[in-house]
PDB file of N, CA and C in Angstrom:
ATOM      1  N   MET A   1      87.549 115.312  83.490  1.00  0.00           N
ATOM      2  CA  MET A   1      87.576 114.069  84.222  1.00  0.00           C
ATOM      3  C   MET A   1      86.639 113.092  83.520  1.00  0.00           C
ATOM      4  N   LYS A   2      87.129 111.875  83.303  1.00  0.00           N
ATOM      5  CA  LYS A   2      86.316 110.816  82.716  1.00  0.00           C
ATOM      6  C   LYS A   2      85.942 109.832  83.818  1.00  0.00           C
ATOM      7  N   VAL A   3      84.665 109.467  83.894  1.00  0.00           N
ATOM      8  CA  VAL A   3      84.189 108.505  84.884  1.00  0.00           C
ATOM      9  C   VAL A   3      83.651 107.291  84.142  1.00  0.00           C
ATOM     10  N   THR A   4      84.245 106.125  84.418  1.00  0.00           N
ATOM     11  CA  THR A   4      83.803 104.877  83.805  1.00  0.00           C
ATOM     12  C   THR A   4      83.771 103.806  84.896  1.00  0.00           C
ATOM     13  N   THR A   5      83.432 102.611  84.525  1.00  0.00           N
ATOM     14  CA  THR A   5      83.565 101.464  85.438  1.00  0.00           C
ATOM     15  C   THR A   5      84.410 100.420  84.736  1.00  0.00           C
ATOM     16  N   ASN A   6      85.144  99.629  85.529  1.00  0.00           N
ATOM     17  CA  ASN A   6      85.948  98.567  84.937  1.00  0.00           C
ATOM     18  C   ASN A   6      85.150  97.268  84.880  1.00  0.00           C
ATOM     19  N   GLU A   7      85.806  96.183  84.517  1.00  0.00           N
ATOM     20  CA  GLU A   7      85.131  94.896  84.358  1.00  0.00           C
ATOM     21  C   GLU A   7      84.479  94.397  85.652  1.00  0.00           C
ATOM     22  N   GLN A   8      85.035  94.776  86.793  1.00  0.00           N
ATOM     23  CA  GLN A   8      84.493  94.356  88.083  1.00  0.00           C
ATOM     24  C   GLN A   8      83.424  95.317  88.610  1.00  0.00           C
ATOM     25  N   GLY A   9      83.110  96.349  87.849  1.00  0.00           N
ATOM     26  CA  GLY A   9      82.099  97.308  88.261  1.00  0.00           C
ATOM     27  C   GLY A   9      82.623  98.393  89.192  1.00  0.00           C
ATOM     28  N   VAL A  10      83.951  98.488  89.324  1.00  0.00           N
ATOM     29  CA  VAL A  10      84.564  99.512  90.176  1.00  0.00           C
ATOM     30  C   VAL A  10      84.621 100.832  89.407  1.00  0.00           C
ATOM     31  N   ILE A  11      84.280 101.929  90.075  1.00  0.00           N
ATOM     32  CA  ILE A  11      84.341 103.246  89.438  1.00  0.00           C
ATOM     33  C   ILE A  11      85.792 103.572  89.116  1.00  0.00           C
ATOM     34  N   GLN A  12      86.013 104.013  87.892  1.00  0.00           N
ATOM     35  CA  GLN A  12      87.355 104.359  87.436  1.00  0.00           C
ATOM     36  C   GLN A  12      87.357 105.810  86.979  1.00  0.00           C
ATOM     37  N   LEU A  13      88.260 106.606  87.516  1.00  0.00           N
ATOM     38  CA  LEU A  13      88.396 108.009  87.134  1.00  0.00           C
ATOM     39  C   LEU A  13      89.655 108.181  86.301  1.00  0.00           C
ATOM     40  N   GLU A  14      89.550 108.905  85.209  1.00  0.00           N
ATOM     41  CA  GLU A  14      90.699 109.193  84.355  1.00  0.00           C
ATOM     42  C   GLU A  14      90.787 110.692  84.148  1.00  0.00           C
ATOM     43  N   GLU A  15      91.995 111.168  83.891  1.00  0.00           N
ATOM     44  CA  GLU A  15      92.244 112.594  83.651  1.00  0.00           C
ATOM     45  C   GLU A  15      91.736 113.449  84.807  1.00  0.00           C
ATOM     46  N   VAL A  16      92.126 113.080  86.015  1.00  0.00           N
ATOM     47  CA  VAL A  16      91.700 113.785  87.233  1.00  0.00           C
ATOM     48  C   VAL A  16      92.753 114.843  87.562  1.00  0.00           C
ATOM     49  N   PHE A  17      92.704 115.970  86.848  1.00  0.00           N
ATOM     50  CA  PHE A  17      93.682 117.032  87.055  1.00  0.00           C
ATOM     51  C   PHE A  17      93.194 118.057  88.069  1.00  0.00           C
ATOM     52  N   ASN A  18      91.907 118.040  88.392  1.00  0.00           N
ATOM     53  CA  ASN A  18      91.379 118.795  89.527  1.00  0.00           C
ATOM     54  C   ASN A  18      91.206 117.778  90.646  1.00  0.00           C
ATOM     55  N   GLY A  19      91.703 118.098  91.818  1.00  0.00           N
ATOM     56  CA  GLY A  19      91.721 117.134  92.908  1.00  0.00           C
ATOM     57  C   GLY A  19      90.343 116.670  93.355  1.00  0.00           C
ATOM     58  N   ILE A  20      90.335 115.472  93.941  1.00  0.00           N
ATOM     59  CA  ILE A  20      89.129 114.953  94.584  1.00  0.00           C
ATOM     60  C   ILE A  20      89.485 114.668  96.044  1.00  0.00           C
ATOM     61  N   ILE A  21      88.502 114.780  96.926  1.00  0.00           N
ATOM     62  CA  ILE A  21      88.716 114.551  98.359  1.00  0.00           C
ATOM     63  C   ILE A  21      87.812 113.412  98.806  1.00  0.00           C
ATOM     64  N   LEU A  22      88.412 112.471  99.527  1.00  0.00           N
ATOM     65  CA  LEU A  22      87.659 111.407 100.174  1.00  0.00           C
ATOM     66  C   LEU A  22      87.649 111.743 101.658  1.00  0.00           C
ATOM     67  N   LYS A  23      86.471 111.739 102.283  1.00  0.00           N
ATOM     68  CA  LYS A  23      86.359 112.147 103.678  1.00  0.00           C
ATOM     69  C   LYS A  23      85.468 111.171 104.434  1.00  0.00           C
ATOM     70  N   THR A  24      85.969 110.692 105.583  1.00  0.00           N
ATOM     71  CA  THR A  24      85.179 109.790 106.413  1.00  0.00           C
ATOM     72  C   THR A  24      84.228 110.596 107.286  1.00  0.00           C
ATOM     73  N   LYS A  25      83.267 109.912 107.894  1.00  0.00           N
ATOM     74  CA  LYS A  25      82.335 110.610 108.784  1.00  0.00           C
ATOM     75  C   LYS A  25      83.054 111.162 110.009  1.00  0.00           C
ATOM     76  N   ASP A  26      84.239 110.625 110.328  1.00  0.00           N
ATOM     77  CA  ASP A  26      85.031 111.119 111.461  1.00  0.00           C
ATOM     78  C   ASP A  26      85.948 112.280 111.077  1.00  0.00           C
ATOM     79  N   GLY A  27      85.898 112.704 109.809  1.00  0.00           N
ATOM     80  CA  GLY A  27      86.677 113.860 109.369  1.00  0.00           C
ATOM     81  C   GLY A  27      88.057 113.527 108.826  1.00  0.00           C
ATOM     82  N   GLU A  28      88.401 112.257 108.730  1.00  0.00           N
ATOM     83  CA  GLU A  28      89.686 111.883 108.147  1.00  0.00           C
ATOM     84  C   GLU A  28      89.615 112.127 106.643  1.00  0.00           C
ATOM     85  N   GLU A  29      90.657 112.742 106.075  1.00  0.00           N
ATOM     86  CA  GLU A  29      90.620 113.113 104.660  1.00  0.00           C
ATOM     87  C   GLU A  29      91.819 112.594 103.889  1.00  0.00           C
ATOM     88  N   MET A  30      91.560 112.304 102.634  1.00  0.00           N
ATOM     89  CA  MET A  30      92.617 112.004 101.669  1.00  0.00           C
ATOM     90  C   MET A  30      92.210 112.663 100.361  1.00  0.00           C
ATOM     91  N   SER A  31      93.122 113.430  99.775  1.00  0.00           N
ATOM     92  CA  SER A  31      92.841 114.039  98.475  1.00  0.00           C
ATOM     93  C   SER A  31      93.871 113.523  97.480  1.00  0.00           C
ATOM     94  N   ILE A  32      93.474 113.478  96.216  1.00  0.00           N
ATOM     95  CA  ILE A  32      94.369 112.968  95.177  1.00  0.00           C
ATOM     96  C   ILE A  32      94.082 113.689  93.865  1.00  0.00           C
ATOM     97  N   CYS A  33      95.124 113.882  93.070  1.00  0.00           N
ATOM     98  CA  CYS A  33      94.965 114.389  91.713  1.00  0.00           C
ATOM     99  C   CYS A  33      96.109 113.859  90.870  1.00  0.00           C
ATOM    100  N   MET A  34      95.906 113.869  89.576  1.00  0.00           N
ATOM    101  CA  MET A  34      96.914 113.403  88.638  1.00  0.00           C
ATOM    102  C   MET A  34      97.735 114.594  88.150  1.00  0.00           C
ATOM    103  N   ARG A  35      98.958 114.308  87.804  1.00  0.00           N
ATOM    104  CA  ARG A  35      99.825 115.281  87.150  1.00  0.00           C
ATOM    105  C   ARG A  35     100.196 114.708  85.787  1.00  0.00           C
ATOM    106  N   ASP A  36     100.928 115.468  84.982  1.00  0.00           N
ATOM    107  CA  ASP A  36     101.337 114.955  83.665  1.00  0.00           C
ATOM    108  C   ASP A  36     102.048 113.618  83.822  1.00  0.00           C
ATOM    109  N   SER A  37     102.778 113.482  84.898  1.00  0.00           N
ATOM    110  CA  SER A  37     103.482 112.238  85.176  1.00  0.00           C
ATOM    111  C   SER A  37     103.351 111.956  86.666  1.00  0.00           C
ATOM    112  N   GLY A  38     102.556 110.977  87.039  1.00  0.00           N
ATOM    113  CA  GLY A  38     102.411 110.613  88.440  1.00  0.00           C
ATOM    114  C   GLY A  38     101.185 111.218  89.097  1.00  0.00           C
ATOM    115  N   PHE A  39     101.182 111.161  90.427  1.00  0.00           N
ATOM    116  CA  PHE A  39     100.053 111.606  91.244  1.00  0.00           C
ATOM    117  C   PHE A  39     100.536 112.453  92.406  1.00  0.00           C
ATOM    118  N   GLU A  40      99.684 113.344  92.864  1.00  0.00           N
ATOM    119  CA  GLU A  40      99.890 114.058  94.124  1.00  0.00           C
ATOM    120  C   GLU A  40      98.766 113.627  95.041  1.00  0.00           C
ATOM    121  N   PHE A  41      99.082 113.430  96.314  1.00  0.00           N
ATOM    122  CA  PHE A  41      98.002 113.189  97.255  1.00  0.00           C
ATOM    123  C   PHE A  41      98.357 113.756  98.616  1.00  0.00           C
ATOM    124  N   ARG A  42      97.312 113.976  99.391  1.00  0.00           N
ATOM    125  CA  ARG A  42      97.462 114.528 100.741  1.00  0.00           C
ATOM    126  C   ARG A  42      96.659 113.637 101.678  1.00  0.00           C
ATOM    127  N   TYR A  43      97.312 113.235 102.753  1.00  0.00           N
ATOM    128  CA  TYR A  43      96.622 112.434 103.758  1.00  0.00           C
ATOM    129  C   TYR A  43      96.830 113.101 105.104  1.00  0.00           C
ATOM    130  N   GLN A  44      95.722 113.491 105.724  1.00  0.00           N
ATOM    131  CA  GLN A  44      95.744 114.154 107.027  1.00  0.00           C
ATOM    132  C   GLN A  44      96.729 115.327 107.051  1.00  0.00           C
ATOM    133  N   GLY A  45      96.718 116.117 105.979  1.00  0.00           N
ATOM    134  CA  GLY A  45      97.520 117.335 105.923  1.00  0.00           C
ATOM    135  C   GLY A  45      98.934 117.160 105.404  1.00  0.00           C
ATOM    136  N   GLU A  46      99.433 115.944 105.261  1.00  0.00           N
ATOM    137  CA  GLU A  46     100.785 115.704 104.744  1.00  0.00           C
ATOM    138  C   GLU A  46     100.706 115.451 103.243  1.00  0.00           C
ATOM    139  N   ARG A  47     101.583 116.115 102.467  1.00  0.00           N
ATOM    140  CA  ARG A  47     101.561 115.995 101.010  1.00  0.00           C
ATOM    141  C   ARG A  47     102.610 115.004 100.519  1.00  0.00           C
ATOM    142  N   TYR A  48     102.219 114.205  99.515  1.00  0.00           N
ATOM    143  CA  TYR A  48     103.081 113.193  98.925  1.00  0.00           C
ATOM    144  C   TYR A  48     102.926 113.205  97.420  1.00  0.00           C
ATOM    145  N   PHE A  49     103.870 112.568  96.727  1.00  0.00           N
ATOM    146  CA  PHE A  49     103.704 112.334  95.306  1.00  0.00           C
ATOM    147  C   PHE A  49     104.079 110.886  95.021  1.00  0.00           C
ATOM    148  N   ALA A  50     103.480 110.344  93.993  1.00  0.00           N
ATOM    149  CA  ALA A  50     103.747 108.969  93.582  1.00  0.00           C
ATOM    150  C   ALA A  50     104.066 108.982  92.101  1.00  0.00           C
ATOM    151  N   LYS A  51     105.174 108.340  91.753  1.00  0.00           N
ATOM    152  CA  LYS A  51     105.601 108.343  90.359  1.00  0.00           C
ATOM    153  C   LYS A  51     106.541 107.164  90.133  1.00  0.00           C
ATOM    154  N   GLU A  52     106.323 106.438  89.050  1.00  0.00           N
ATOM    155  CA  GLU A  52     107.207 105.356  88.622  1.00  0.00           C
ATOM    156  C   GLU A  52     107.492 104.341  89.734  1.00  0.00           C
ATOM    157  N   GLY A  53     106.455 103.995  90.505  1.00  0.00           N
ATOM    158  CA  GLY A  53     106.612 102.979  91.540  1.00  0.00           C
ATOM    159  C   GLY A  53     107.103 103.478  92.883  1.00  0.00           C
ATOM    160  N   TYR A  54     107.281 104.778  93.058  1.00  0.00           N
ATOM    161  CA  TYR A  54     107.758 105.346  94.316  1.00  0.00           C
ATOM    162  C   TYR A  54     106.699 106.238  94.942  1.00  0.00           C
ATOM    163  N   VAL A  55     106.657 106.273  96.265  1.00  0.00           N
ATOM    164  CA  VAL A  55     105.814 107.208  97.006  1.00  0.00           C
ATOM    165  C   VAL A  55     106.740 107.967  97.947  1.00  0.00           C
ATOM    166  N   GLU A  56     106.756 109.292  97.831  1.00  0.00           N
ATOM    167  CA  GLU A  56     107.669 110.110  98.621  1.00  0.00           C
ATOM    168  C   GLU A  56     106.970 111.378  99.106  1.00  0.00           C
ATOM    169  N   PRO A  57     107.453 111.943 100.212  1.00  0.00           N
ATOM    170  CA  PRO A  57     106.884 113.208 100.668  1.00  0.00           C
ATOM    171  C   PRO A  57     107.301 114.341  99.730  1.00  0.00           C
ATOM    172  N   PHE A  58     106.475 115.378  99.663  1.00  0.00           N
ATOM    173  CA  PHE A  58     106.860 116.564  98.903  1.00  0.00           C
ATOM    174  C   PHE A  58     108.026 117.219  99.604  1.00  0.00           C
ATOM    175  N   LYS A  59     108.905 117.758  98.829  1.00  0.00           N
ATOM    176  CA  LYS A  59     110.032 118.500  99.388  1.00  0.00           C
ATOM    177  C   LYS A  59     109.730 119.983  99.266  1.00  0.00           C
ATOM    178  N   THR A  60     110.341 120.782 100.124  1.00  0.00           N
ATOM    179  CA  THR A  60     110.144 122.227 100.070  1.00  0.00           C
ATOM    180  C   THR A  60     111.491 122.911  99.867  1.00  0.00           C
ATOM    181  N   SER A  61     111.429 124.082  99.280  1.00  0.00           N
ATOM    182  CA  SER A  61     112.639 124.873  99.075  1.00  0.00           C
ATOM    183  C   SER A  61     113.033 125.515 100.394  1.00  0.00           C
ATOM    184  N   SER A  62     114.158 126.194 100.397  1.00  0.00           N
ATOM    185  CA  SER A  62     114.603 126.885 101.611  1.00  0.00           C
ATOM    186  C   SER A  62     113.632 127.992 102.010  1.00  0.00           C
ATOM    187  N   ARG A  63     112.804 128.458 101.069  1.00  0.00           N
ATOM    188  CA  ARG A  63     111.793 129.479 101.361  1.00  0.00           C
ATOM    189  C   ARG A  63     110.458 128.873 101.773  1.00  0.00           C
ATOM    190  N   GLY A  64     110.379 127.530 101.782  1.00  0.00           N
ATOM    191  CA  GLY A  64     109.142 126.873 102.181  1.00  0.00           C
ATOM    192  C   GLY A  64     108.173 126.600 101.053  1.00  0.00           C
ATOM    193  N   ASN A  65     108.593 126.878  99.800  1.00  0.00           N
ATOM    194  CA  ASN A  65     107.730 126.599  98.648  1.00  0.00           C
ATOM    195  C   ASN A  65     107.813 125.125  98.283  1.00  0.00           C
ATOM    196  N   LEU A  66     106.676 124.553  97.832  1.00  0.00           N
ATOM    197  CA  LEU A  66     106.686 123.168  97.374  1.00  0.00           C
ATOM    198  C   LEU A  66     107.473 123.069  96.093  1.00  0.00           C
ATOM    199  N   LEU A  67     108.293 122.040  95.982  1.00  0.00           N
ATOM    200  CA  LEU A  67     109.061 121.803  94.768  1.00  0.00           C
ATOM    201  C   LEU A  67     108.250 120.883  93.871  1.00  0.00           C
ATOM    202  N   VAL A  68     107.936 121.359  92.677  1.00  0.00           N
ATOM    203  CA  VAL A  68     107.062 120.601  91.790  1.00  0.00           C
ATOM    204  C   VAL A  68     107.804 119.570  90.964  1.00  0.00           C
ATOM    205  N   ASP A  69     109.040 119.820  90.612  1.00  0.00           N
ATOM    206  CA  ASP A  69     109.792 118.870  89.796  1.00  0.00           C
ATOM    207  C   ASP A  69     110.396 117.821  90.718  1.00  0.00           C
ATOM    208  N   GLN A  70     109.589 116.855  91.098  1.00  0.00           N
ATOM    209  CA  GLN A  70     110.018 115.851  92.060  1.00  0.00           C
ATOM    210  C   GLN A  70     110.811 114.744  91.367  1.00  0.00           C
ATOM    211  N   ARG A  71     111.925 114.396  91.944  1.00  0.00           N
ATOM    212  CA  ARG A  71     112.756 113.301  91.459  1.00  0.00           C
ATOM    213  C   ARG A  71     112.915 112.301  92.595  1.00  0.00           C
ATOM    214  N   HIS A  72     112.996 111.050  92.250  1.00  0.00           N
ATOM    215  CA  HIS A  72     113.132 110.009  93.260  1.00  0.00           C
ATOM    216  C   HIS A  72     114.484 110.091  93.950  1.00  0.00           C
ATOM    217  N   GLU A  73     114.477 110.024  95.275  1.00  0.00           N
ATOM    218  CA  GLU A  73     115.697 109.924  96.063  1.00  0.00           C
ATOM    219  C   GLU A  73     115.502 108.766  97.016  1.00  0.00           C
ATOM    220  N   GLU A  74     116.222 107.683  96.796  1.00  0.00           N
ATOM    221  CA  GLU A  74     115.977 106.430  97.503  1.00  0.00           C
ATOM    222  C   GLU A  74     116.042 106.565  99.020  1.00  0.00           C
ATOM    223  N   GLU A  75     116.901 107.422  99.539  1.00  0.00           N
ATOM    224  CA  GLU A  75     117.001 107.537 100.995  1.00  0.00           C
ATOM    225  C   GLU A  75     115.748 108.122 101.641  1.00  0.00           C
ATOM    226  N   ASP A  76     114.913 108.832 100.884  1.00  0.00           N
ATOM    227  CA  ASP A  76     113.679 109.404 101.413  1.00  0.00           C
ATOM    228  C   ASP A  76     112.461 108.546 101.101  1.00  0.00           C
ATOM    229  N   LEU A  77     112.693 107.342 100.631  1.00  0.00           N
ATOM    230  CA  LEU A  77     111.611 106.465 100.207  1.00  0.00           C
ATOM    231  C   LEU A  77     110.672 106.142 101.364  1.00  0.00           C
ATOM    232  N   ILE A  78     109.363 106.292 101.129  1.00  0.00           N
ATOM    233  CA  ILE A  78     108.368 105.925 102.134  1.00  0.00           C
ATOM    234  C   ILE A  78     107.947 104.487 101.931  1.00  0.00           C
ATOM    235  N   ALA A  79     107.486 104.168 100.738  1.00  0.00           N
ATOM    236  CA  ALA A  79     107.013 102.813 100.469  1.00  0.00           C
ATOM    237  C   ALA A  79     107.326 102.456  99.021  1.00  0.00           C
ATOM    238  N   PRO A  80     108.182 101.464  98.802  1.00  0.00           N
ATOM    239  CA  PRO A  80     108.479 101.099  97.424  1.00  0.00           C
ATOM    240  C   PRO A  80     107.284 100.443  96.770  1.00  0.00           C
ATOM    241  N   GLY A  81     107.030 100.811  95.539  1.00  0.00           N
ATOM    242  CA  GLY A  81     105.951 100.183  94.786  1.00  0.00           C
ATOM    243  C   GLY A  81     106.475  98.978  94.039  1.00  0.00           C
ATOM    244  N   PRO A  82     105.597  98.253  93.340  1.00  0.00           N
ATOM    245  CA  PRO A  82     106.001  97.035  92.628  1.00  0.00           C
ATOM    246  C   PRO A  82     107.119  97.264  91.614  1.00  0.00           C
ATOM    247  N   ALA A  83     107.073  98.380  90.909  1.00  0.00           N
ATOM    248  CA  ALA A  83     108.112  98.648  89.905  1.00  0.00           C
ATOM    249  C   ALA A  83     109.470  98.793  90.575  1.00  0.00           C
ATOM    250  N   HIS A  84     109.510  99.465  91.730  1.00  0.00           N
ATOM    251  CA  HIS A  84     110.759  99.656  92.451  1.00  0.00           C
ATOM    252  C   HIS A  84     111.288  98.313  92.949  1.00  0.00           C
ATOM    253  N   LEU A  85     110.416  97.484  93.493  1.00  0.00           N
ATOM    254  CA  LEU A  85     110.853  96.182  93.996  1.00  0.00           C
ATOM    255  C   LEU A  85     111.403  95.323  92.868  1.00  0.00           C
ATOM    256  N   ALA A  86     110.791  95.394  91.699  1.00  0.00           N
ATOM    257  CA  ALA A  86     111.283  94.632  90.550  1.00  0.00           C
ATOM    258  C   ALA A  86     112.674  95.111  90.153  1.00  0.00           C
ATOM    259  N   ARG A  87     112.879  96.429  90.135  1.00  0.00           N
ATOM    260  CA  ARG A  87     114.200  96.967  89.786  1.00  0.00           C
ATOM    261  C   ARG A  87     115.237  96.540  90.813  1.00  0.00           C
ATOM    262  N   MET A  88     114.862  96.572  92.103  1.00  0.00           N
ATOM    263  CA  MET A  88     115.797  96.156  93.143  1.00  0.00           C
ATOM    264  C   MET A  88     116.151  94.686  92.975  1.00  0.00           C
ATOM    265  N   SER A  89     115.183  93.869  92.633  1.00  0.00           N
ATOM    266  CA  SER A  89     115.390  92.445  92.430  1.00  0.00           C
ATOM    267  C   SER A  89     116.396  92.213  91.305  1.00  0.00           C
ATOM    268  N   GLU A  90     116.217  92.956  90.216  1.00  0.00           N
ATOM    269  CA  GLU A  90     117.109  92.817  89.068  1.00  0.00           C
ATOM    270  C   GLU A  90     118.546  93.166  89.436  1.00  0.00           C
ATOM    271  N   LYS A  91     118.726  94.088  90.374  1.00  0.00           N
ATOM    272  CA  LYS A  91     120.064  94.516  90.769  1.00  0.00           C
ATOM    273  C   LYS A  91     120.588  93.707  91.959  1.00  0.00           C
ATOM    274  N   ASN A  92     119.868  92.664  92.353  1.00  0.00           N
ATOM    275  CA  ASN A  92     120.232  91.824  93.488  1.00  0.00           C
ATOM    276  C   ASN A  92     120.347  92.596  94.797  1.00  0.00           C
ATOM    277  N   ARG A  93     119.609  93.685  94.912  1.00  0.00           N
ATOM    278  CA  ARG A  93     119.600  94.429  96.170  1.00  0.00           C
ATOM    279  C   ARG A  93     118.369  94.084  96.996  1.00  0.00           C
ATOM    280  N   TYR A  94     117.409  93.422  96.416  1.00  0.00           N
ATOM    281  CA  TYR A  94     116.199  93.036  97.149  1.00  0.00           C
ATOM    282  C   TYR A  94     115.899  91.589  96.827  1.00  0.00           C
ATOM    283  N   ILE A  95     115.850  90.777  97.833  1.00  0.00           N
ATOM    284  CA  ILE A  95     115.501  89.372  97.635  1.00  0.00           C
ATOM    285  C   ILE A  95     114.293  89.090  98.521  1.00  0.00           C
ATOM    286  N   PRO A  96     113.133  88.834  97.927  1.00  0.00           N
ATOM    287  CA  PRO A  96     111.932  88.605  98.744  1.00  0.00           C
ATOM    288  C   PRO A  96     112.084  87.341  99.580  1.00  0.00           C
ATOM    289  N   LYS A  97     111.495  87.355 100.777  1.00  0.00           N
ATOM    290  CA  LYS A  97     111.516  86.181 101.648  1.00  0.00           C
ATOM    291  C   LYS A  97     110.685  85.089 101.032  1.00  0.00           C
ATOM    292  N   SER A  98     111.210  83.879 101.049  1.00  0.00           N
ATOM    293  CA  SER A  98     110.405  82.761 100.554  1.00  0.00           C
ATOM    294  C   SER A  98     109.530  82.257 101.683  1.00  0.00           C
ATOM    295  N   GLU A  99     108.323  81.828 101.324  1.00  0.00           N
ATOM    296  CA  GLU A  99     107.377  81.384 102.344  1.00  0.00           C
ATOM    297  C   GLU A  99     107.384  79.884 102.494  1.00  0.00           C
TER     298      GLU A  99
END
């Protein structure tokens, strides 16, 4: 794990392949780690992965094992990231509201 700071003085972690846990004084937890491609994180016991602008829940096999080779499936989308919104815009499937 590499620990640096960016131009704004914010702590920046790189190569975080062993997970880190953030915990509030009230016991709320979020853990995160990097994978070769994307991120895994857990919030309040629920596991998710983020990759290429998508955030999705982990899927399990019929035996209950976590599936590691996660692929994006739009119908299970939790929250589209900027890359996803840009792709949708290009395909005329997403038109942002004008203010």
